[in-house]
Amino acid sequence: MKILGISKSEYLEEMDIKLETFDNYYLMKKLNKIDLLKIDTEGHEMCVLKGCKKTLKYIDYIYFEHHYDDMLDKGYTFSDINRFLKINGFKKIYKSKMFFRKTFEYIYQNLNDV
């Protein structure tokens, strides 16, 4: 919106929505294991990861993209995500730069035996 010079009031409308953490979703759906968690939340990856702190041990792989430009105001860095995943037993096994953007895709593998 900054780039296009559009004000929020022209195109956005406030509304109430219900959010659920991945931990709660995992329990509600009575899941046992997640082979691959793909996160594509345009700058909210850290929030998603924090919302699955209790269930991370049941996830084999996590796949996400991280933007390194100023387009998104995230409030965290890639180092924050990397540190969080490492502390929780994950290891980066894949990194790929997306074409024409300051964005990379990552895959982390859970090294914990559950």
Protein backbone atom coordinates (compact mmCIF):
# COMPACT_ATOMS: atom_id res chain seq x y z
CA MET A 1 0.00 0.00 0.00
CA LYS A 2 2.94 2.32 0.71
CA ILE A 3 4.40 1.62 -2.71
CA LEU A 4 1.11 2.30 -4.51
CA GLY A 5 0.23 5.34 -2.40
CA ILE A 6 -3.11 3.91 -1.33
CA SER A 7 -4.62 4.77 2.02
CA LYS A 8 -5.90 1.93 4.19
CA SER A 9 -9.34 3.49 4.55
CA GLU A 10 -9.98 3.21 0.80
CA TYR A 11 -9.69 -0.57 0.63
CA LEU A 12 -9.68 -2.00 4.12
CA GLU A 13 -12.56 -2.73 6.42
CA GLU A 14 -12.23 -3.66 10.08
CA MET A 15 -13.82 -6.91 11.18
CA ASP A 16 -13.58 -9.36 14.05
CA ILE A 17 -12.04 -12.73 13.26
CA LYS A 18 -11.32 -15.76 15.41
CA LEU A 19 -7.70 -16.88 15.52
CA GLU A 20 -6.56 -20.28 16.68
CA THR A 21 -3.03 -21.35 17.57
CA PHE A 22 -1.64 -24.38 15.82
CA ASP A 23 -1.33 -26.05 19.23
CA ASN A 24 -5.09 -25.72 19.78
CA TYR A 25 -5.89 -26.80 16.20
CA TYR A 26 -3.66 -29.86 16.60
CA LEU A 27 -5.55 -30.87 19.76
CA MET A 28 -9.03 -30.13 18.36
CA LYS A 29 -8.37 -32.26 15.27
CA LYS A 30 -6.76 -35.01 17.41
CA LEU A 31 -3.71 -35.19 15.19
CA ASN A 32 -0.81 -37.52 15.99
CA LYS A 33 1.91 -36.26 13.69
CA ILE A 34 2.59 -33.67 10.99
CA ASP A 35 4.92 -34.68 8.15
CA LEU A 36 5.27 -31.17 6.69
CA LEU A 37 4.06 -27.84 8.01
CA LYS A 38 4.09 -25.21 5.26
CA ILE A 39 3.87 -21.66 6.56
CA ASP A 40 3.00 -18.92 4.07
CA THR A 41 1.76 -16.04 6.18
CA GLU A 42 3.52 -13.06 4.57
CA GLY A 43 5.54 -11.81 7.51
CA HIS A 44 3.83 -13.61 10.40
CA GLU A 45 5.92 -16.79 10.39
CA MET A 46 7.29 -16.18 13.87
CA CYS A 47 3.75 -15.83 15.28
CA VAL A 48 2.79 -19.15 13.71
CA LEU A 49 5.87 -20.86 15.12
CA LYS A 50 5.22 -19.50 18.60
CA GLY A 51 1.65 -20.80 18.28
CA CYS A 52 2.88 -24.35 17.75
CA LYS A 53 5.47 -24.45 20.52
CA LYS A 54 3.83 -27.45 22.27
CA THR A 55 3.37 -29.44 19.07
CA LEU A 56 6.70 -28.73 17.34
CA LYS A 57 7.98 -32.10 18.52
CA TYR A 58 5.31 -33.80 16.35
CA ILE A 59 6.30 -31.96 13.16
CA ASP A 60 8.92 -33.62 10.91
CA TYR A 61 9.59 -30.71 8.52
CA ILE A 62 8.78 -26.99 8.44
CA TYR A 63 8.79 -25.12 5.13
CA PHE A 64 8.50 -21.32 5.00
CA GLU A 65 9.66 -18.25 3.13
CA HIS A 66 11.31 -15.21 4.65
CA HIS A 67 11.30 -11.71 3.13
CA TYR A 68 14.44 -9.60 3.53
CA ASP A 69 12.95 -6.39 2.12
CA ASP A 70 11.13 -3.50 3.76
CA MET A 71 7.81 -4.45 2.16
CA LEU A 72 6.68 -6.17 5.37
CA ASP A 73 7.02 -4.84 8.91
CA LYS A 74 7.60 -8.11 10.75
CA GLY A 75 9.11 -7.15 14.08
CA TYR A 76 11.52 -10.10 13.94
CA THR A 77 14.49 -11.26 11.88
CA PHE A 78 15.45 -14.50 10.21
CA SER A 79 17.95 -15.00 13.05
CA ASP A 80 15.04 -15.02 15.50
CA ILE A 81 13.32 -17.80 13.55
CA ASN A 82 16.54 -19.75 13.12
CA ARG A 83 17.34 -19.50 16.84
CA PHE A 84 13.80 -20.54 17.84
CA LEU A 85 13.86 -23.60 15.58
CA LYS A 86 17.37 -24.64 16.64
CA ILE A 87 16.43 -24.40 20.33
CA ASN A 88 13.47 -26.65 19.57
CA GLY A 89 15.58 -29.33 17.85
CA PHE A 90 15.30 -28.34 14.18
CA LYS A 91 18.09 -28.05 11.63
CA LYS A 92 18.07 -26.06 8.38
CA ILE A 93 18.40 -28.51 5.48
CA TYR A 94 17.37 -26.37 2.50
CA LYS A 95 17.64 -22.76 1.35
CA SER A 96 16.64 -21.33 -2.01
CA LYS A 97 16.44 -17.72 -3.26
CA MET A 98 13.21 -16.79 -4.98
CA PHE A 99 13.61 -15.06 -8.35
CA PHE A 100 13.49 -11.25 -8.55
CA ARG A 101 12.88 -10.80 -4.81
CA LYS A 102 14.84 -10.50 -1.58
CA THR A 103 13.05 -13.63 -0.37
CA PHE A 104 14.33 -17.09 0.48
CA GLU A 105 12.57 -20.40 1.03
CA TYR A 106 13.74 -22.63 3.88
CA ILE A 107 13.11 -26.18 5.02
CA TYR A 108 13.95 -27.26 8.56
CA GLN A 109 14.03 -30.86 9.75
CA ASN A 110 13.13 -31.99 13.26
CA LEU A 111 16.06 -33.92 14.70
CA ASN A 112 14.18 -35.01 17.84
CA ASP A 113 12.95 -38.58 18.15
CA VAL A 114 9.36 -38.65 19.36
